[in-house]
Amino acid sequence: MVLDVWLLALGLMLVLEGLLPMVAPSRWRHLFTQMLQLHDGQIRFFGVFMVLAGLALVWWIG
């Protein structure tokens, strides 16, 4: 049961991550090159925000 939930979450993440490159590859490439120009602190802040948002969502659902 627990493995099923993890695999479902992984599959959903892969679907969401693959949508933009599939639908608009040139836009995805542009966004990716812009992201490469960010400072480490900006990327780290975004990462912390995403982790906290994910944890809040997991806590809210579970």
PDB file of N, CA and C in Angstrom:
ATOM      1  N   MET A   1       0.828  -1.197   0.000  1.00  0.00           N
ATOM      2  CA  MET A   1       0.000   0.000   0.000  1.00  0.00           C
ATOM      3  C   MET A   1       0.869   1.256   0.000  1.00  0.00           C
ATOM      4  N   VAL A   2       1.860   1.313   0.864  1.00  0.00           N
ATOM      5  CA  VAL A   2       2.705   2.500   0.947  1.00  0.00           C
ATOM      6  C   VAL A   2       3.514   2.664  -0.332  1.00  0.00           C
ATOM      7  N   LEU A   3       4.020   1.561  -0.873  1.00  0.00           N
ATOM      8  CA  LEU A   3       4.780   1.621  -2.120  1.00  0.00           C
ATOM      9  C   LEU A   3       3.904   2.126  -3.258  1.00  0.00           C
ATOM     10  N   ASP A   4       2.638   1.720  -3.271  1.00  0.00           N
ATOM     11  CA  ASP A   4       1.713   2.191  -4.304  1.00  0.00           C
ATOM     12  C   ASP A   4       1.559   3.705  -4.260  1.00  0.00           C
ATOM     13  N   VAL A   5       1.469   4.254  -3.068  1.00  0.00           N
ATOM     14  CA  VAL A   5       1.317   5.704  -2.924  1.00  0.00           C
ATOM     15  C   VAL A   5       2.566   6.419  -3.417  1.00  0.00           C
ATOM     16  N   TRP A   6       3.741   5.898  -3.067  1.00  0.00           N
ATOM     17  CA  TRP A   6       4.997   6.513  -3.513  1.00  0.00           C
ATOM     18  C   TRP A   6       5.129   6.452  -5.027  1.00  0.00           C
ATOM     19  N   LEU A   7       4.775   5.321  -5.614  1.00  0.00           N
ATOM     20  CA  LEU A   7       4.853   5.195  -7.068  1.00  0.00           C
ATOM     21  C   LEU A   7       3.839   6.096  -7.758  1.00  0.00           C
ATOM     22  N   LEU A   8       2.662   6.234  -7.176  1.00  0.00           N
ATOM     23  CA  LEU A   8       1.662   7.149  -7.715  1.00  0.00           C
ATOM     24  C   LEU A   8       2.158   8.587  -7.657  1.00  0.00           C
ATOM     25  N   ALA A   9       2.756   8.972  -6.543  1.00  0.00           N
ATOM     26  CA  ALA A   9       3.297  10.326  -6.406  1.00  0.00           C
ATOM     27  C   ALA A   9       4.429  10.566  -7.396  1.00  0.00           C
ATOM     28  N   LEU A  10       5.300   9.587  -7.569  1.00  0.00           N
ATOM     29  CA  LEU A  10       6.395   9.711  -8.529  1.00  0.00           C
ATOM     30  C   LEU A  10       5.861   9.836  -9.950  1.00  0.00           C
ATOM     31  N   GLY A  11       4.872   9.023 -10.286  1.00  0.00           N
ATOM     32  CA  GLY A  11       4.271   9.105 -11.616  1.00  0.00           C
ATOM     33  C   GLY A  11       3.625  10.449 -11.865  1.00  0.00           C
ATOM     34  N   LEU A  12       2.914  10.975 -10.883  1.00  0.00           N
ATOM     35  CA  LEU A  12       2.284  12.285 -11.029  1.00  0.00           C
ATOM     36  C   LEU A  12       3.325  13.378 -11.183  1.00  0.00           C
ATOM     37  N   MET A  13       4.404  13.287 -10.430  1.00  0.00           N
ATOM     38  CA  MET A  13       5.475  14.271 -10.551  1.00  0.00           C
ATOM     39  C   MET A  13       6.086  14.235 -11.950  1.00  0.00           C
ATOM     40  N   LEU A  14       6.321  13.038 -12.484  1.00  0.00           N
ATOM     41  CA  LEU A  14       6.896  12.914 -13.819  1.00  0.00           C
ATOM     42  C   LEU A  14       5.959  13.473 -14.886  1.00  0.00           C
ATOM     43  N   VAL A  15       4.664  13.240 -14.731  1.00  0.00           N
ATOM     44  CA  VAL A  15       3.692  13.797 -15.677  1.00  0.00           C
ATOM     45  C   VAL A  15       3.731  15.320 -15.630  1.00  0.00           C
ATOM     46  N   LEU A  16       3.691  15.892 -14.440  1.00  0.00           N
ATOM     47  CA  LEU A  16       3.700  17.350 -14.310  1.00  0.00           C
ATOM     48  C   LEU A  16       5.003  17.956 -14.811  1.00  0.00           C
ATOM     49  N   GLU A  17       6.129  17.301 -14.529  1.00  0.00           N
ATOM     50  CA  GLU A  17       7.423  17.806 -14.983  1.00  0.00           C
ATOM     51  C   GLU A  17       7.564  17.719 -16.499  1.00  0.00           C
ATOM     52  N   GLY A  18       6.898  16.764 -17.111  1.00  0.00           N
ATOM     53  CA  GLY A  18       7.024  16.580 -18.548  1.00  0.00           C
ATOM     54  C   GLY A  18       6.053  17.382 -19.383  1.00  0.00           C
ATOM     55  N   LEU A  19       5.075  18.019 -18.762  1.00  0.00           N
ATOM     56  CA  LEU A  19       4.065  18.745 -19.535  1.00  0.00           C
ATOM     57  C   LEU A  19       4.644  19.916 -20.322  1.00  0.00           C
ATOM     58  N   LEU A  20       5.402  20.772 -19.690  1.00  0.00           N
ATOM     59  CA  LEU A  20       5.916  21.958 -20.379  1.00  0.00           C
ATOM     60  C   LEU A  20       6.888  21.602 -21.502  1.00  0.00           C
ATOM     61  N   PRO A  21       7.854  20.702 -21.290  1.00  0.00           N
ATOM     62  CA  PRO A  21       8.721  20.343 -22.419  1.00  0.00           C
ATOM     63  C   PRO A  21       7.958  19.697 -23.577  1.00  0.00           C
ATOM     64  N   MET A  22       6.880  18.988 -23.271  1.00  0.00           N
ATOM     65  CA  MET A  22       6.102  18.345 -24.318  1.00  0.00           C
ATOM     66  C   MET A  22       5.266  19.354 -25.101  1.00  0.00           C
ATOM     67  N   VAL A  23       4.629  20.277 -24.388  1.00  0.00           N
ATOM     68  CA  VAL A  23       3.705  21.216 -25.018  1.00  0.00           C
ATOM     69  C   VAL A  23       4.436  22.389 -25.664  1.00  0.00           C
ATOM     70  N   ALA A  24       5.437  22.924 -24.986  1.00  0.00           N
ATOM     71  CA  ALA A  24       6.135  24.118 -25.483  1.00  0.00           C
ATOM     72  C   ALA A  24       7.638  23.978 -25.258  1.00  0.00           C
ATOM     73  N   PRO A  25       8.324  23.191 -26.083  1.00  0.00           N
ATOM     74  CA  PRO A  25       9.751  22.964 -25.848  1.00  0.00           C
ATOM     75  C   PRO A  25      10.601  24.224 -25.954  1.00  0.00           C
ATOM     76  N   SER A  26      10.259  25.128 -26.856  1.00  0.00           N
ATOM     77  CA  SER A  26      11.064  26.356 -26.968  1.00  0.00           C
ATOM     78  C   SER A  26      10.883  27.240 -25.738  1.00  0.00           C
ATOM     79  N   ARG A  27       9.676  27.315 -25.203  1.00  0.00           N
ATOM     80  CA  ARG A  27       9.421  28.083 -23.977  1.00  0.00           C
ATOM     81  C   ARG A  27      10.153  27.450 -22.792  1.00  0.00           C
ATOM     82  N   TRP A  28      10.141  26.116 -22.735  1.00  0.00           N
ATOM     83  CA  TRP A  28      10.833  25.411 -21.666  1.00  0.00           C
ATOM     84  C   TRP A  28      12.330  25.693 -21.727  1.00  0.00           C
ATOM     85  N   ARG A  29      12.896  25.661 -22.926  1.00  0.00           N
ATOM     86  CA  ARG A  29      14.326  25.937 -23.096  1.00  0.00           C
ATOM     87  C   ARG A  29      14.645  27.364 -22.655  1.00  0.00           C
ATOM     88  N   HIS A  30      13.773  28.314 -23.004  1.00  0.00           N
ATOM     89  CA  HIS A  30      13.973  29.715 -22.610  1.00  0.00           C
ATOM     90  C   HIS A  30      13.933  29.853 -21.084  1.00  0.00           C
ATOM     91  N   LEU A  31      12.941  29.235 -20.442  1.00  0.00           N
ATOM     92  CA  LEU A  31      12.847  29.290 -18.982  1.00  0.00           C
ATOM     93  C   LEU A  31      14.059  28.637 -18.323  1.00  0.00           C
ATOM     94  N   PHE A  32      14.533  27.543 -18.915  1.00  0.00           N
ATOM     95  CA  PHE A  32      15.690  26.846 -18.356  1.00  0.00           C
ATOM     96  C   PHE A  32      16.943  27.707 -18.444  1.00  0.00           C
ATOM     97  N   THR A  33      17.148  28.395 -19.560  1.00  0.00           N
ATOM     98  CA  THR A  33      18.322  29.268 -19.680  1.00  0.00           C
ATOM     99  C   THR A  33      18.222  30.457 -18.730  1.00  0.00           C
ATOM    100  N   GLN A  34      17.010  30.950 -18.494  1.00  0.00           N
ATOM    101  CA  GLN A  34      16.841  32.027 -17.512  1.00  0.00           C
ATOM    102  C   GLN A  34      17.176  31.528 -16.107  1.00  0.00           C
ATOM    103  N   MET A  35      16.788  30.293 -15.820  1.00  0.00           N
ATOM    104  CA  MET A  35      17.064  29.738 -14.502  1.00  0.00           C
ATOM    105  C   MET A  35      18.565  29.572 -14.272  1.00  0.00           C
ATOM    106  N   LEU A  36      19.302  29.280 -15.331  1.00  0.00           N
ATOM    107  CA  LEU A  36      20.753  29.134 -15.202  1.00  0.00           C
ATOM    108  C   LEU A  36      21.433  30.437 -14.804  1.00  0.00           C
ATOM    109  N   GLN A  37      20.783  31.562 -15.040  1.00  0.00           N
ATOM    110  CA  GLN A  37      21.364  32.862 -14.728  1.00  0.00           C
ATOM    111  C   GLN A  37      21.063  33.320 -13.302  1.00  0.00           C
ATOM    112  N   LEU A  38      20.237  32.577 -12.580  1.00  0.00           N
ATOM    113  CA  LEU A  38      19.910  32.948 -11.206  1.00  0.00           C
ATOM    114  C   LEU A  38      21.095  32.676 -10.285  1.00  0.00           C
ATOM    115  N   HIS A  39      21.171  33.443  -9.213  1.00  0.00           N
ATOM    116  CA  HIS A  39      22.203  33.227  -8.196  1.00  0.00           C
ATOM    117  C   HIS A  39      21.831  32.012  -7.346  1.00  0.00           C
ATOM    118  N   ASP A  40      22.818  31.436  -6.688  1.00  0.00           N
ATOM    119  CA  ASP A  40      22.590  30.258  -5.854  1.00  0.00           C
ATOM    120  C   ASP A  40      21.543  30.521  -4.775  1.00  0.00           C
ATOM    121  N   GLY A  41      21.586  31.689  -4.168  1.00  0.00           N
ATOM    122  CA  GLY A  41      20.625  32.023  -3.119  1.00  0.00           C
ATOM    123  C   GLY A  41      19.197  32.054  -3.633  1.00  0.00           C
ATOM    124  N   GLN A  42      19.005  32.553  -4.842  1.00  0.00           N
ATOM    125  CA  GLN A  42      17.667  32.593  -5.430  1.00  0.00           C
ATOM    126  C   GLN A  42      17.149  31.182  -5.703  1.00  0.00           C
ATOM    127  N   ILE A  43      18.015  30.335  -6.221  1.00  0.00           N
ATOM    128  CA  ILE A  43      17.619  28.953  -6.493  1.00  0.00           C
ATOM    129  C   ILE A  43      17.336  28.219  -5.187  1.00  0.00           C
ATOM    130  N   ARG A  44      18.172  28.464  -4.178  1.00  0.00           N
ATOM    131  CA  ARG A  44      17.977  27.826  -2.874  1.00  0.00           C
ATOM    132  C   ARG A  44      16.654  28.274  -2.249  1.00  0.00           C
ATOM    133  N   PHE A  45      16.331  29.567  -2.340  1.00  0.00           N
ATOM    134  CA  PHE A  45      15.064  30.073  -1.805  1.00  0.00           C
ATOM    135  C   PHE A  45      13.887  29.392  -2.496  1.00  0.00           C
ATOM    136  N   PHE A  46      13.963  29.273  -3.816  1.00  0.00           N
ATOM    137  CA  PHE A  46      12.900  28.605  -4.564  1.00  0.00           C
ATOM    138  C   PHE A  46      12.770  27.144  -4.129  1.00  0.00           C
ATOM    139  N   GLY A  47      13.914  26.468  -3.931  1.00  0.00           N
ATOM    140  CA  GLY A  47      13.892  25.082  -3.477  1.00  0.00           C
ATOM    141  C   GLY A  47      13.269  24.934  -2.100  1.00  0.00           C
ATOM    142  N   VAL A  48      13.636  25.820  -1.179  1.00  0.00           N
ATOM    143  CA  VAL A  48      13.062  25.779   0.170  1.00  0.00           C
ATOM    144  C   VAL A  48      11.561  26.020   0.107  1.00  0.00           C
ATOM    145  N   PHE A  49      11.139  26.984  -0.705  1.00  0.00           N
ATOM    146  CA  PHE A  49       9.711  27.271  -0.845  1.00  0.00           C
ATOM    147  C   PHE A  49       8.963  26.052  -1.377  1.00  0.00           C
ATOM    148  N   MET A  50       9.522  25.384  -2.382  1.00  0.00           N
ATOM    149  CA  MET A  50       8.859  24.219  -2.967  1.00  0.00           C
ATOM    150  C   MET A  50       8.780  23.064  -1.966  1.00  0.00           C
ATOM    151  N   VAL A  51       9.845  22.855  -1.198  1.00  0.00           N
ATOM    152  CA  VAL A  51       9.830  21.798  -0.187  1.00  0.00           C
ATOM    153  C   VAL A  51       8.774  22.095   0.870  1.00  0.00           C
ATOM    154  N   LEU A  52       8.722  23.331   1.349  1.00  0.00           N
ATOM    155  CA  LEU A  52       7.728  23.694   2.367  1.00  0.00           C
ATOM    156  C   LEU A  52       6.308  23.599   1.825  1.00  0.00           C
ATOM    157  N   ALA A  53       6.105  24.022   0.588  1.00  0.00           N
ATOM    158  CA  ALA A  53       4.777  23.912  -0.022  1.00  0.00           C
ATOM    159  C   ALA A  53       4.380  22.446  -0.173  1.00  0.00           C
ATOM    160  N   GLY A  54       5.321  21.605  -0.575  1.00  0.00           N
ATOM    161  CA  GLY A  54       5.035  20.177  -0.697  1.00  0.00           C
ATOM    162  C   GLY A  54       4.725  19.533   0.639  1.00  0.00           C
ATOM    163  N   LEU A  55       5.495  19.883   1.657  1.00  0.00           N
ATOM    164  CA  LEU A  55       5.232  19.344   2.992  1.00  0.00           C
ATOM    165  C   LEU A  55       3.882  19.805   3.525  1.00  0.00           C
ATOM    166  N   ALA A  56       3.542  21.061   3.284  1.00  0.00           N
ATOM    167  CA  ALA A  56       2.238  21.568   3.722  1.00  0.00           C
ATOM    168  C   ALA A  56       1.108  20.824   3.016  1.00  0.00           C
ATOM    169  N   LEU A  57       1.277  20.558   1.742  1.00  0.00           N
ATOM    170  CA  LEU A  57       0.253  19.828   0.991  1.00  0.00           C
ATOM    171  C   LEU A  57       0.119  18.391   1.498  1.00  0.00           C
ATOM    172  N   VAL A  58       1.245  17.733   1.742  1.00  0.00           N
ATOM    173  CA  VAL A  58       1.208  16.370   2.274  1.00  0.00           C
ATOM    174  C   VAL A  58       0.564  16.357   3.653  1.00  0.00           C
ATOM    175  N   TRP A  59       0.908  17.324   4.493  1.00  0.00           N
ATOM    176  CA  TRP A  59       0.320  17.406   5.835  1.00  0.00           C
ATOM    177  C   TRP A  59      -1.184  17.654   5.754  1.00  0.00           C
ATOM    178  N   TRP A  60      -1.604  18.533   4.836  1.00  0.00           N
ATOM    179  CA  TRP A  60      -3.016  18.887   4.694  1.00  0.00           C
ATOM    180  C   TRP A  60      -3.822  17.693   4.194  1.00  0.00           C
ATOM    181  N   ILE A  61      -3.280  16.945   3.247  1.00  0.00           N
ATOM    182  CA  ILE A  61      -3.998  15.795   2.693  1.00  0.00           C
ATOM    183  C   ILE A  61      -3.980  14.620   3.664  1.00  0.00           C
ATOM    184  N   GLY A  62      -2.816  14.408   4.284  1.00  0.00           N
ATOM    185  CA  GLY A  62      -2.667  13.231   5.155  1.00  0.00           C
ATOM    186  C   GLY A  62      -3.189  13.488   6.517  1.00  0.00           C
TER     187      GLY A  62
END
